[in-house]
Every structure is written in structure tokens, then in C-alpha cells.
mmCIF file of all heavy atoms, coordinates in Angstrom:
data_MODEL
# 
_entry.id   MODEL 
# 
loop_
_atom_site.group_PDB 
_atom_site.id 
_atom_site.type_symbol 
_atom_site.label_atom_id 
_atom_site.label_alt_id 
_atom_site.label_comp_id 
_atom_site.label_asym_id 
_atom_site.label_entity_id 
_atom_site.label_seq_id 
_atom_site.pdbx_PDB_ins_code 
_atom_site.Cartn_x 
_atom_site.Cartn_y 
_atom_site.Cartn_z 
_atom_site.occupancy 
_atom_site.B_iso_or_equiv 
_atom_site.pdbx_formal_charge 
_atom_site.auth_seq_id 
_atom_site.auth_comp_id 
_atom_site.auth_asym_id 
_atom_site.auth_atom_id 
_atom_site.pdbx_PDB_model_num 
ATOM 1   N N   . GLU A 1 1  ? 13.607 72.413 15.242 1.00 0.00 ? 1  GLU A N   1 
ATOM 2   C CA  . GLU A 1 1  ? 13.770 72.539 13.690 1.00 0.00 ? 1  GLU A CA  1 
ATOM 3   C C   . GLU A 1 1  ? 15.180 72.997 13.340 1.00 0.00 ? 1  GLU A C   1 
ATOM 4   O O   . GLU A 1 1  ? 15.839 72.528 12.340 1.00 0.00 ? 1  GLU A O   1 
ATOM 5   C CB  . GLU A 1 1  ? 12.687 73.517 13.147 1.00 0.00 ? 1  GLU A CB  1 
ATOM 6   C CG  . GLU A 1 1  ? 12.746 73.609 11.587 1.00 0.00 ? 1  GLU A CG  1 
ATOM 7   C CD  . GLU A 1 1  ? 11.618 74.380 11.111 1.00 0.00 ? 1  GLU A CD  1 
ATOM 8   O OE1 . GLU A 1 1  ? 10.595 74.581 11.879 1.00 0.00 ? 1  GLU A OE1 1 
ATOM 9   O OE2 . GLU A 1 1  ? 11.669 74.825 9.955  1.00 0.00 ? 1  GLU A OE2 1 
ATOM 10  N N   . GLU A 1 2  ? 15.739 73.901 14.158 1.00 0.00 ? 2  GLU A N   1 
ATOM 11  C CA  . GLU A 1 2  ? 17.100 74.429 13.808 1.00 0.00 ? 2  GLU A CA  1 
ATOM 12  C C   . GLU A 1 2  ? 18.177 73.415 13.940 1.00 0.00 ? 2  GLU A C   1 
ATOM 13  O O   . GLU A 1 2  ? 19.243 73.596 13.436 1.00 0.00 ? 2  GLU A O   1 
ATOM 14  C CB  . GLU A 1 2  ? 17.417 75.731 14.607 1.00 0.00 ? 2  GLU A CB  1 
ATOM 15  C CG  . GLU A 1 2  ? 17.387 75.537 16.019 1.00 0.00 ? 2  GLU A CG  1 
ATOM 16  C CD  . GLU A 1 2  ? 15.998 75.855 16.641 1.00 0.00 ? 2  GLU A CD  1 
ATOM 17  O OE1 . GLU A 1 2  ? 15.006 75.941 15.988 1.00 0.00 ? 2  GLU A OE1 1 
ATOM 18  O OE2 . GLU A 1 2  ? 15.931 76.054 17.960 1.00 0.00 ? 2  GLU A OE2 1 
ATOM 19  N N   . VAL A 1 3  ? 17.985 72.273 14.641 1.00 0.00 ? 3  VAL A N   1 
ATOM 20  C CA  . VAL A 1 3  ? 18.995 71.216 14.790 1.00 0.00 ? 3  VAL A CA  1 
ATOM 21  C C   . VAL A 1 3  ? 18.750 70.017 13.956 1.00 0.00 ? 3  VAL A C   1 
ATOM 22  O O   . VAL A 1 3  ? 19.537 69.093 14.115 1.00 0.00 ? 3  VAL A O   1 
ATOM 23  C CB  . VAL A 1 3  ? 19.281 70.827 16.300 1.00 0.00 ? 3  VAL A CB  1 
ATOM 24  C CG1 . VAL A 1 3  ? 19.785 72.029 17.140 1.00 0.00 ? 3  VAL A CG1 1 
ATOM 25  C CG2 . VAL A 1 3  ? 18.046 70.205 16.884 1.00 0.00 ? 3  VAL A CG2 1 
ATOM 26  N N   . ALA A 1 4  ? 17.623 70.034 13.229 1.00 0.00 ? 4  ALA A N   1 
ATOM 27  C CA  . ALA A 1 4  ? 17.153 68.851 12.499 1.00 0.00 ? 4  ALA A CA  1 
ATOM 28  C C   . ALA A 1 4  ? 17.887 68.871 11.093 1.00 0.00 ? 4  ALA A C   1 
ATOM 29  O O   . ALA A 1 4  ? 17.256 68.848 10.030 1.00 0.00 ? 4  ALA A O   1 
ATOM 30  C CB  . ALA A 1 4  ? 15.732 68.849 12.324 1.00 0.00 ? 4  ALA A CB  1 
ATOM 31  N N   . VAL A 1 5  ? 19.140 68.974 11.161 1.00 0.00 ? 5  VAL A N   1 
ATOM 32  C CA  . VAL A 1 5  ? 19.922 69.001 9.901  1.00 0.00 ? 5  VAL A CA  1 
ATOM 33  C C   . VAL A 1 5  ? 20.009 67.491 9.395  1.00 0.00 ? 5  VAL A C   1 
ATOM 34  O O   . VAL A 1 5  ? 19.767 66.583 10.167 1.00 0.00 ? 5  VAL A O   1 
ATOM 35  C CB  . VAL A 1 5  ? 21.468 69.509 10.129 1.00 0.00 ? 5  VAL A CB  1 
ATOM 36  C CG1 . VAL A 1 5  ? 21.304 71.022 10.525 1.00 0.00 ? 5  VAL A CG1 1 
ATOM 37  C CG2 . VAL A 1 5  ? 22.179 68.751 11.170 1.00 0.00 ? 5  VAL A CG2 1 
ATOM 38  N N   . ASP A 1 6  ? 20.413 67.324 8.117  1.00 0.00 ? 6  ASP A N   1 
ATOM 39  C CA  . ASP A 1 6  ? 20.494 65.972 7.639  1.00 0.00 ? 6  ASP A CA  1 
ATOM 40  C C   . ASP A 1 6  ? 21.226 64.926 8.401  1.00 0.00 ? 6  ASP A C   1 
ATOM 41  O O   . ASP A 1 6  ? 20.789 63.863 8.583  1.00 0.00 ? 6  ASP A O   1 
ATOM 42  C CB  . ASP A 1 6  ? 21.164 66.053 6.142  1.00 0.00 ? 6  ASP A CB  1 
ATOM 43  C CG  . ASP A 1 6  ? 20.099 66.564 5.205  1.00 0.00 ? 6  ASP A CG  1 
ATOM 44  O OD1 . ASP A 1 6  ? 19.007 66.768 5.456  1.00 0.00 ? 6  ASP A OD1 1 
ATOM 45  O OD2 . ASP A 1 6  ? 20.609 67.007 3.967  1.00 0.00 ? 6  ASP A OD2 1 
ATOM 46  N N   . SER A 1 7  ? 22.298 65.307 8.977  1.00 0.00 ? 7  SER A N   1 
ATOM 47  C CA  . SER A 1 7  ? 23.061 64.248 9.792  1.00 0.00 ? 7  SER A CA  1 
ATOM 48  C C   . SER A 1 7  ? 22.399 63.787 10.994 1.00 0.00 ? 7  SER A C   1 
ATOM 49  O O   . SER A 1 7  ? 22.351 62.632 11.237 1.00 0.00 ? 7  SER A O   1 
ATOM 50  C CB  . SER A 1 7  ? 24.410 64.877 10.184 1.00 0.00 ? 7  SER A CB  1 
ATOM 51  O OG  . SER A 1 7  ? 24.299 65.923 11.020 1.00 0.00 ? 7  SER A OG  1 
ATOM 52  N N   . VAL A 1 8  ? 21.611 64.738 11.584 1.00 0.00 ? 8  VAL A N   1 
ATOM 53  C CA  . VAL A 1 8  ? 20.838 64.413 12.790 1.00 0.00 ? 8  VAL A CA  1 
ATOM 54  C C   . VAL A 1 8  ? 19.553 63.545 12.441 1.00 0.00 ? 8  VAL A C   1 
ATOM 55  O O   . VAL A 1 8  ? 19.293 62.492 13.011 1.00 0.00 ? 8  VAL A O   1 
ATOM 56  C CB  . VAL A 1 8  ? 20.458 65.648 13.508 1.00 0.00 ? 8  VAL A CB  1 
ATOM 57  C CG1 . VAL A 1 8  ? 19.344 65.317 14.620 1.00 0.00 ? 8  VAL A CG1 1 
ATOM 58  C CG2 . VAL A 1 8  ? 21.587 66.359 14.126 1.00 0.00 ? 8  VAL A CG2 1 
ATOM 59  N N   . THR A 1 9  ? 18.851 63.942 11.382 1.00 0.00 ? 9  THR A N   1 
ATOM 60  C CA  . THR A 1 9  ? 17.601 63.200 10.969 1.00 0.00 ? 9  THR A CA  1 
ATOM 61  C C   . THR A 1 9  ? 18.010 61.900 10.447 1.00 0.00 ? 9  THR A C   1 
ATOM 62  O O   . THR A 1 9  ? 17.324 60.893 10.681 1.00 0.00 ? 9  THR A O   1 
ATOM 63  C CB  . THR A 1 9  ? 16.811 63.870 9.957  1.00 0.00 ? 9  THR A CB  1 
ATOM 64  O OG1 . THR A 1 9  ? 17.552 64.426 8.864  1.00 0.00 ? 9  THR A OG1 1 
ATOM 65  C CG2 . THR A 1 9  ? 16.147 65.264 10.572 1.00 0.00 ? 9  THR A CG2 1 
ATOM 66  N N   . ASN A 1 10 ? 19.257 61.764 9.647  1.00 0.00 ? 10 ASN A N   1 
ATOM 67  C CA  . ASN A 1 10 ? 19.690 60.467 9.196  1.00 0.00 ? 10 ASN A CA  1 
ATOM 68  C C   . ASN A 1 10 ? 19.957 59.552 10.352 1.00 0.00 ? 10 ASN A C   1 
ATOM 69  O O   . ASN A 1 10 ? 19.693 58.334 10.276 1.00 0.00 ? 10 ASN A O   1 
ATOM 70  C CB  . ASN A 1 10 ? 20.818 60.597 8.174  1.00 0.00 ? 10 ASN A CB  1 
ATOM 71  C CG  . ASN A 1 10 ? 20.479 61.239 6.956  1.00 0.00 ? 10 ASN A CG  1 
ATOM 72  O OD1 . ASN A 1 10 ? 19.286 61.270 6.587  1.00 0.00 ? 10 ASN A OD1 1 
ATOM 73  N ND2 . ASN A 1 10 ? 21.437 61.805 6.322  1.00 0.00 ? 10 ASN A ND2 1 
ATOM 74  N N   . ALA A 1 11 ? 20.686 60.025 11.342 1.00 0.00 ? 11 ALA A N   1 
ATOM 75  C CA  . ALA A 1 11 ? 20.998 59.214 12.546 1.00 0.00 ? 11 ALA A CA  1 
ATOM 76  C C   . ALA A 1 11 ? 19.713 58.776 13.310 1.00 0.00 ? 11 ALA A C   1 
ATOM 77  O O   . ALA A 1 11 ? 19.583 57.579 13.551 1.00 0.00 ? 11 ALA A O   1 
ATOM 78  C CB  . ALA A 1 11 ? 21.933 59.958 13.458 1.00 0.00 ? 11 ALA A CB  1 
ATOM 79  N N   . LEU A 1 12 ? 18.737 59.590 13.451 1.00 0.00 ? 12 LEU A N   1 
ATOM 80  C CA  . LEU A 1 12 ? 17.542 59.326 14.158 1.00 0.00 ? 12 LEU A CA  1 
ATOM 81  C C   . LEU A 1 12 ? 16.754 58.247 13.356 1.00 0.00 ? 12 LEU A C   1 
ATOM 82  O O   . LEU A 1 12 ? 16.159 57.406 13.906 1.00 0.00 ? 12 LEU A O   1 
ATOM 83  C CB  . LEU A 1 12 ? 16.677 60.437 14.375 1.00 0.00 ? 12 LEU A CB  1 
ATOM 84  C CG  . LEU A 1 12 ? 17.204 61.467 15.478 1.00 0.00 ? 12 LEU A CG  1 
ATOM 85  C CD1 . LEU A 1 12 ? 16.424 62.782 15.484 1.00 0.00 ? 12 LEU A CD1 1 
ATOM 86  C CD2 . LEU A 1 12 ? 17.261 60.765 16.843 1.00 0.00 ? 12 LEU A CD2 1 
ATOM 87  N N   . ASN A 1 13 ? 16.712 58.449 12.086 1.00 0.00 ? 13 ASN A N   1 
ATOM 88  C CA  . ASN A 1 13 ? 16.050 57.454 11.149 1.00 0.00 ? 13 ASN A CA  1 
ATOM 89  C C   . ASN A 1 13 ? 16.653 56.182 11.211 1.00 0.00 ? 13 ASN A C   1 
ATOM 90  O O   . ASN A 1 13 ? 15.917 55.085 11.275 1.00 0.00 ? 13 ASN A O   1 
ATOM 91  C CB  . ASN A 1 13 ? 15.916 57.996 9.747  1.00 0.00 ? 13 ASN A CB  1 
ATOM 92  C CG  . ASN A 1 13 ? 14.891 59.125 9.567  1.00 0.00 ? 13 ASN A CG  1 
ATOM 93  O OD1 . ASN A 1 13 ? 14.005 59.317 10.337 1.00 0.00 ? 13 ASN A OD1 1 
ATOM 94  N ND2 . ASN A 1 13 ? 15.115 59.883 8.524  1.00 0.00 ? 13 ASN A ND2 1 
ATOM 95  N N   . ALA A 1 14 ? 17.994 56.129 11.225 1.00 0.00 ? 14 ALA A N   1 
ATOM 96  C CA  . ALA A 1 14 ? 18.688 54.793 11.299 1.00 0.00 ? 14 ALA A CA  1 
ATOM 97  C C   . ALA A 1 14 ? 18.305 54.079 12.598 1.00 0.00 ? 14 ALA A C   1 
ATOM 98  O O   . ALA A 1 14 ? 18.230 52.885 12.609 1.00 0.00 ? 14 ALA A O   1 
ATOM 99  C CB  . ALA A 1 14 ? 20.184 55.073 11.171 1.00 0.00 ? 14 ALA A CB  1 
ATOM 100 N N   . VAL A 1 15 ? 18.298 54.825 13.704 1.00 0.00 ? 15 VAL A N   1 
ATOM 101 C CA  . VAL A 1 15 ? 17.992 54.097 14.885 1.00 0.00 ? 15 VAL A CA  1 
ATOM 102 C C   . VAL A 1 15 ? 16.564 53.716 14.937 1.00 0.00 ? 15 VAL A C   1 
ATOM 103 O O   . VAL A 1 15 ? 16.169 52.588 15.429 1.00 0.00 ? 15 VAL A O   1 
ATOM 104 C CB  . VAL A 1 15 ? 18.314 55.156 16.113 1.00 0.00 ? 15 VAL A CB  1 
ATOM 105 C CG1 . VAL A 1 15 ? 17.818 54.501 17.541 1.00 0.00 ? 15 VAL A CG1 1 
ATOM 106 C CG2 . VAL A 1 15 ? 19.788 55.433 16.195 1.00 0.00 ? 15 VAL A CG2 1 
ATOM 107 N N   . SER A 1 16 ? 15.706 54.614 14.594 1.00 0.00 ? 16 SER A N   1 
ATOM 108 C CA  . SER A 1 16 ? 14.230 54.221 14.538 1.00 0.00 ? 16 SER A CA  1 
ATOM 109 C C   . SER A 1 16 ? 13.926 53.038 13.712 1.00 0.00 ? 16 SER A C   1 
ATOM 110 O O   . SER A 1 16 ? 13.074 52.287 14.064 1.00 0.00 ? 16 SER A O   1 
ATOM 111 C CB  . SER A 1 16 ? 13.406 55.499 14.076 1.00 0.00 ? 16 SER A CB  1 
ATOM 112 O OG  . SER A 1 16 ? 13.476 56.469 14.923 1.00 0.00 ? 16 SER A OG  1 
ATOM 113 N N   . GLU A 1 17 ? 14.634 52.790 12.664 1.00 0.00 ? 17 GLU A N   1 
ATOM 114 C CA  . GLU A 1 17 ? 14.476 51.778 11.720 1.00 0.00 ? 17 GLU A CA  1 
ATOM 115 C C   . GLU A 1 17 ? 14.696 50.376 12.400 1.00 0.00 ? 17 GLU A C   1 
ATOM 116 O O   . GLU A 1 17 ? 14.057 49.432 11.998 1.00 0.00 ? 17 GLU A O   1 
ATOM 117 C CB  . GLU A 1 17 ? 15.362 51.895 10.532 1.00 0.00 ? 17 GLU A CB  1 
ATOM 118 C CG  . GLU A 1 17 ? 15.009 51.023 9.313  1.00 0.00 ? 17 GLU A CG  1 
ATOM 119 C CD  . GLU A 1 17 ? 15.935 51.377 8.111  1.00 0.00 ? 17 GLU A CD  1 
ATOM 120 O OE1 . GLU A 1 17 ? 15.934 52.599 7.732  1.00 0.00 ? 17 GLU A OE1 1 
ATOM 121 O OE2 . GLU A 1 17 ? 16.476 50.412 7.634  1.00 0.00 ? 17 GLU A OE2 1 
ATOM 122 N N   . VAL A 1 18 ? 15.565 50.304 13.295 1.00 0.00 ? 18 VAL A N   1 
ATOM 123 C CA  . VAL A 1 18 ? 15.983 49.103 13.878 1.00 0.00 ? 18 VAL A CA  1 
ATOM 124 C C   . VAL A 1 18 ? 15.466 48.846 15.354 1.00 0.00 ? 18 VAL A C   1 
ATOM 125 O O   . VAL A 1 18 ? 15.726 47.882 16.008 1.00 0.00 ? 18 VAL A O   1 
ATOM 126 C CB  . VAL A 1 18 ? 17.554 48.851 13.907 1.00 0.00 ? 18 VAL A CB  1 
ATOM 127 C CG1 . VAL A 1 18 ? 18.001 48.748 12.479 1.00 0.00 ? 18 VAL A CG1 1 
ATOM 128 C CG2 . VAL A 1 18 ? 18.257 49.939 14.611 1.00 0.00 ? 18 VAL A CG2 1 
ATOM 129 N N   . LEU A 1 19 ? 14.775 49.947 15.916 1.00 0.00 ? 19 LEU A N   1 
ATOM 130 C CA  . LEU A 1 19 ? 14.323 49.799 17.293 1.00 0.00 ? 19 LEU A CA  1 
ATOM 131 C C   . LEU A 1 19 ? 13.000 49.161 17.310 1.00 0.00 ? 19 LEU A C   1 
ATOM 132 O O   . LEU A 1 19 ? 12.038 49.715 16.769 1.00 0.00 ? 19 LEU A O   1 
ATOM 133 C CB  . LEU A 1 19 ? 14.286 51.345 17.820 1.00 0.00 ? 19 LEU A CB  1 
ATOM 134 C CG  . LEU A 1 19 ? 14.270 51.537 19.397 1.00 0.00 ? 19 LEU A CG  1 
ATOM 135 C CD1 . LEU A 1 19 ? 15.461 50.966 19.891 1.00 0.00 ? 19 LEU A CD1 1 
ATOM 136 C CD2 . LEU A 1 19 ? 14.091 53.013 19.780 1.00 0.00 ? 19 LEU A CD2 1 
ATOM 137 N N   . THR A 1 20 ? 12.924 48.050 18.031 1.00 0.00 ? 20 THR A N   1 
ATOM 138 C CA  . THR A 1 20 ? 11.590 47.326 18.053 1.00 0.00 ? 20 THR A CA  1 
ATOM 139 C C   . THR A 1 20 ? 11.276 47.058 19.497 1.00 0.00 ? 20 THR A C   1 
ATOM 140 O O   . THR A 1 20 ? 12.127 47.262 20.415 1.00 0.00 ? 20 THR A O   1 
ATOM 141 C CB  . THR A 1 20 ? 11.818 45.885 17.389 1.00 0.00 ? 20 THR A CB  1 
ATOM 142 O OG1 . THR A 1 20 ? 12.824 45.095 18.097 1.00 0.00 ? 20 THR A OG1 1 
ATOM 143 C CG2 . THR A 1 20 ? 12.307 46.072 15.963 1.00 0.00 ? 20 THR A CG2 1 
ATOM 144 N N   . THR A 1 21 ? 10.137 46.516 19.735 1.00 0.00 ? 21 THR A N   1 
ATOM 145 C CA  . THR A 1 21 ? 9.733  46.329 21.120 1.00 0.00 ? 21 THR A CA  1 
ATOM 146 C C   . THR A 1 21 ? 10.663 45.217 21.778 1.00 0.00 ? 21 THR A C   1 
ATOM 147 O O   . THR A 1 21 ? 11.074 45.295 22.881 1.00 0.00 ? 21 THR A O   1 
ATOM 148 C CB  . THR A 1 21 ? 8.236  45.768 21.104 1.00 0.00 ? 21 THR A CB  1 
ATOM 149 O OG1 . THR A 1 21 ? 7.413  46.839 20.648 1.00 0.00 ? 21 THR A OG1 1 
ATOM 150 C CG2 . THR A 1 21 ? 7.808  45.348 22.526 1.00 0.00 ? 21 THR A CG2 1 
ATOM 151 N N   . GLN A 1 22 ? 11.008 44.275 20.933 1.00 0.00 ? 22 GLN A N   1 
ATOM 152 C CA  . GLN A 1 22 ? 11.874 43.213 21.354 1.00 0.00 ? 22 GLN A CA  1 
ATOM 153 C C   . GLN A 1 22 ? 13.276 43.677 21.784 1.00 0.00 ? 22 GLN A C   1 
ATOM 154 O O   . GLN A 1 22 ? 13.778 43.344 22.806 1.00 0.00 ? 22 GLN A O   1 
ATOM 155 C CB  . GLN A 1 22 ? 12.099 42.091 20.355 1.00 0.00 ? 22 GLN A CB  1 
ATOM 156 C CG  . GLN A 1 22 ? 12.969 40.954 20.703 1.00 0.00 ? 22 GLN A CG  1 
ATOM 157 C CD  . GLN A 1 22 ? 12.971 39.807 19.641 1.00 0.00 ? 22 GLN A CD  1 
ATOM 158 O OE1 . GLN A 1 22 ? 12.317 39.935 18.629 1.00 0.00 ? 22 GLN A OE1 1 
ATOM 159 N NE2 . GLN A 1 22 ? 13.861 38.814 19.918 1.00 0.00 ? 22 GLN A NE2 1 
ATOM 160 N N   . THR A 1 23 ? 13.839 44.628 20.989 1.00 0.00 ? 23 THR A N   1 
ATOM 161 C CA  . THR A 1 23 ? 15.191 45.091 21.273 1.00 0.00 ? 23 THR A CA  1 
ATOM 162 C C   . THR A 1 23 ? 15.080 46.125 22.498 1.00 0.00 ? 23 THR A C   1 
ATOM 163 O O   . THR A 1 23 ? 16.028 46.023 23.305 1.00 0.00 ? 23 THR A O   1 
ATOM 164 C CB  . THR A 1 23 ? 15.771 45.947 20.063 1.00 0.00 ? 23 THR A CB  1 
ATOM 165 O OG1 . THR A 1 23 ? 14.937 46.862 19.658 1.00 0.00 ? 23 THR A OG1 1 
ATOM 166 C CG2 . THR A 1 23 ? 16.103 44.891 18.944 1.00 0.00 ? 23 THR A CG2 1 
ATOM 167 N N   . VAL A 1 24 ? 13.997 46.849 22.620 1.00 0.00 ? 24 VAL A N   1 
ATOM 168 C CA  . VAL A 1 24 ? 13.945 47.669 23.810 1.00 0.00 ? 24 VAL A CA  1 
ATOM 169 C C   . VAL A 1 24 ? 13.788 46.802 25.031 1.00 0.00 ? 24 VAL A C   1 
ATOM 170 O O   . VAL A 1 24 ? 14.350 47.093 26.098 1.00 0.00 ? 24 VAL A O   1 
ATOM 171 C CB  . VAL A 1 24 ? 12.720 48.650 23.697 1.00 0.00 ? 24 VAL A CB  1 
ATOM 172 C CG1 . VAL A 1 24 ? 12.387 49.347 24.881 1.00 0.00 ? 24 VAL A CG1 1 
ATOM 173 C CG2 . VAL A 1 24 ? 12.908 49.696 22.462 1.00 0.00 ? 24 VAL A CG2 1 
ATOM 174 N N   . THR A 1 25 ? 12.939 45.792 24.957 1.00 0.00 ? 25 THR A N   1 
ATOM 175 C CA  . THR A 1 25 ? 12.749 44.836 26.186 1.00 0.00 ? 25 THR A CA  1 
ATOM 176 C C   . THR A 1 25 ? 14.036 44.294 26.616 1.00 0.00 ? 25 THR A C   1 
ATOM 177 O O   . THR A 1 25 ? 14.324 44.124 27.847 1.00 0.00 ? 25 THR A O   1 
ATOM 178 C CB  . THR A 1 25 ? 11.733 43.761 25.728 1.00 0.00 ? 25 THR A CB  1 
ATOM 179 O OG1 . THR A 1 25 ? 10.473 44.393 25.459 1.00 0.00 ? 25 THR A OG1 1 
ATOM 180 C CG2 . THR A 1 25 ? 11.580 42.859 26.920 1.00 0.00 ? 25 THR A CG2 1 
ATOM 181 N N   . GLU A 1 26 ? 14.836 43.740 25.671 1.00 0.00 ? 26 GLU A N   1 
ATOM 182 C CA  . GLU A 1 26 ? 16.238 43.239 25.928 1.00 0.00 ? 26 GLU A CA  1 
ATOM 183 C C   . GLU A 1 26 ? 17.074 44.305 26.531 1.00 0.00 ? 26 GLU A C   1 
ATOM 184 O O   . GLU A 1 26 ? 17.887 43.969 27.457 1.00 0.00 ? 26 GLU A O   1 
ATOM 185 C CB  . GLU A 1 26 ? 16.847 42.627 24.522 1.00 0.00 ? 26 GLU A CB  1 
ATOM 186 C CG  . GLU A 1 26 ? 18.210 42.178 24.661 1.00 0.00 ? 26 GLU A CG  1 
ATOM 187 C CD  . GLU A 1 26 ? 18.455 41.020 25.667 1.00 0.00 ? 26 GLU A CD  1 
ATOM 188 O OE1 . GLU A 1 26 ? 17.356 40.418 26.000 1.00 0.00 ? 26 GLU A OE1 1 
ATOM 189 O OE2 . GLU A 1 26 ? 19.515 40.799 26.164 1.00 0.00 ? 26 GLU A OE2 1 
ATOM 190 N N   . MET A 1 27 ? 17.138 45.456 26.050 1.00 0.00 ? 27 MET A N   1 
ATOM 191 C CA  . MET A 1 27 ? 17.938 46.544 26.584 1.00 0.00 ? 27 MET A CA  1 
ATOM 192 C C   . MET A 1 27 ? 17.491 46.842 28.002 1.00 0.00 ? 27 MET A C   1 
ATOM 193 O O   . MET A 1 27 ? 18.379 47.007 28.905 1.00 0.00 ? 27 MET A O   1 
ATOM 194 C CB  . MET A 1 27 ? 18.002 47.798 25.778 1.00 0.00 ? 27 MET A CB  1 
ATOM 195 C CG  . MET A 1 27 ? 18.784 47.614 24.399 1.00 0.00 ? 27 MET A CG  1 
ATOM 196 S SD  . MET A 1 27 ? 19.060 49.183 23.438 1.00 0.00 ? 27 MET A SD  1 
ATOM 197 C CE  . MET A 1 27 ? 17.373 49.339 22.728 1.00 0.00 ? 27 MET A CE  1 
ATOM 198 N N   . ILE A 1 28 ? 16.160 46.924 28.273 1.00 0.00 ? 28 ILE A N   1 
ATOM 199 C CA  . ILE A 1 28 ? 15.702 47.200 29.636 1.00 0.00 ? 28 ILE A CA  1 
ATOM 200 C C   . ILE A 1 28 ? 16.153 46.113 30.555 1.00 0.00 ? 28 ILE A C   1 
ATOM 201 O O   . ILE A 1 28 ? 16.464 46.213 31.684 1.00 0.00 ? 28 ILE A O   1 
ATOM 202 C CB  . ILE A 1 28 ? 14.187 47.396 29.596 1.00 0.00 ? 28 ILE A CB  1 
ATOM 203 C CG1 . ILE A 1 28 ? 13.760 48.683 28.908 1.00 0.00 ? 28 ILE A CG1 1 
ATOM 204 C CG2 . ILE A 1 28 ? 13.623 47.446 31.031 1.00 0.00 ? 28 ILE A CG2 1 
ATOM 205 C CD1 . ILE A 1 28 ? 12.474 49.017 28.634 1.00 0.00 ? 28 ILE A CD1 1 
ATOM 206 N N   . ARG A 1 29 ? 16.015 44.786 30.066 1.00 0.00 ? 29 ARG A N   1 
ATOM 207 C CA  . ARG A 1 29 ? 16.491 43.660 30.974 1.00 0.00 ? 29 ARG A CA  1 
ATOM 208 C C   . ARG A 1 29 ? 17.881 43.740 31.299 1.00 0.00 ? 29 ARG A C   1 
ATOM 209 O O   . ARG A 1 29 ? 18.233 43.659 32.429 1.00 0.00 ? 29 ARG A O   1 
ATOM 210 C CB  . ARG A 1 29 ? 16.325 42.326 30.163 1.00 0.00 ? 29 ARG A CB  1 
ATOM 211 C CG  . ARG A 1 29 ? 16.718 41.173 31.048 1.00 0.00 ? 29 ARG A CG  1 
ATOM 212 C CD  . ARG A 1 29 ? 16.825 39.877 30.212 1.00 0.00 ? 29 ARG A CD  1 
ATOM 213 N NE  . ARG A 1 29 ? 17.871 39.956 29.169 1.00 0.00 ? 29 ARG A NE  1 
ATOM 214 C CZ  . ARG A 1 29 ? 19.117 39.819 29.310 1.00 0.00 ? 29 ARG A CZ  1 
ATOM 215 N NH1 . ARG A 1 29 ? 19.630 39.760 30.561 1.00 0.00 ? 29 ARG A NH1 1 
ATOM 216 N NH2 . ARG A 1 29 ? 19.992 39.972 28.399 1.00 0.00 ? 29 ARG A NH2 1 
# 
């Protein structure tokens, strides 16, 4: 909680928004 400042949560939300099974599969490949 103490590190969940706006910049961190915004960055995590931005990544979560575009992270899909397809993109994870491609990265693992």
C-alpha cells in the first residue's frame, strides 16, 4: 500500500490494459 502511489498504479493499469493471453504467449515464444 505504501508504494501504490498514482504513478505506480497508473503504470500497472496501463500494462494490465494491454496484456492479453496472445501477447503473453508471443513474449514467452
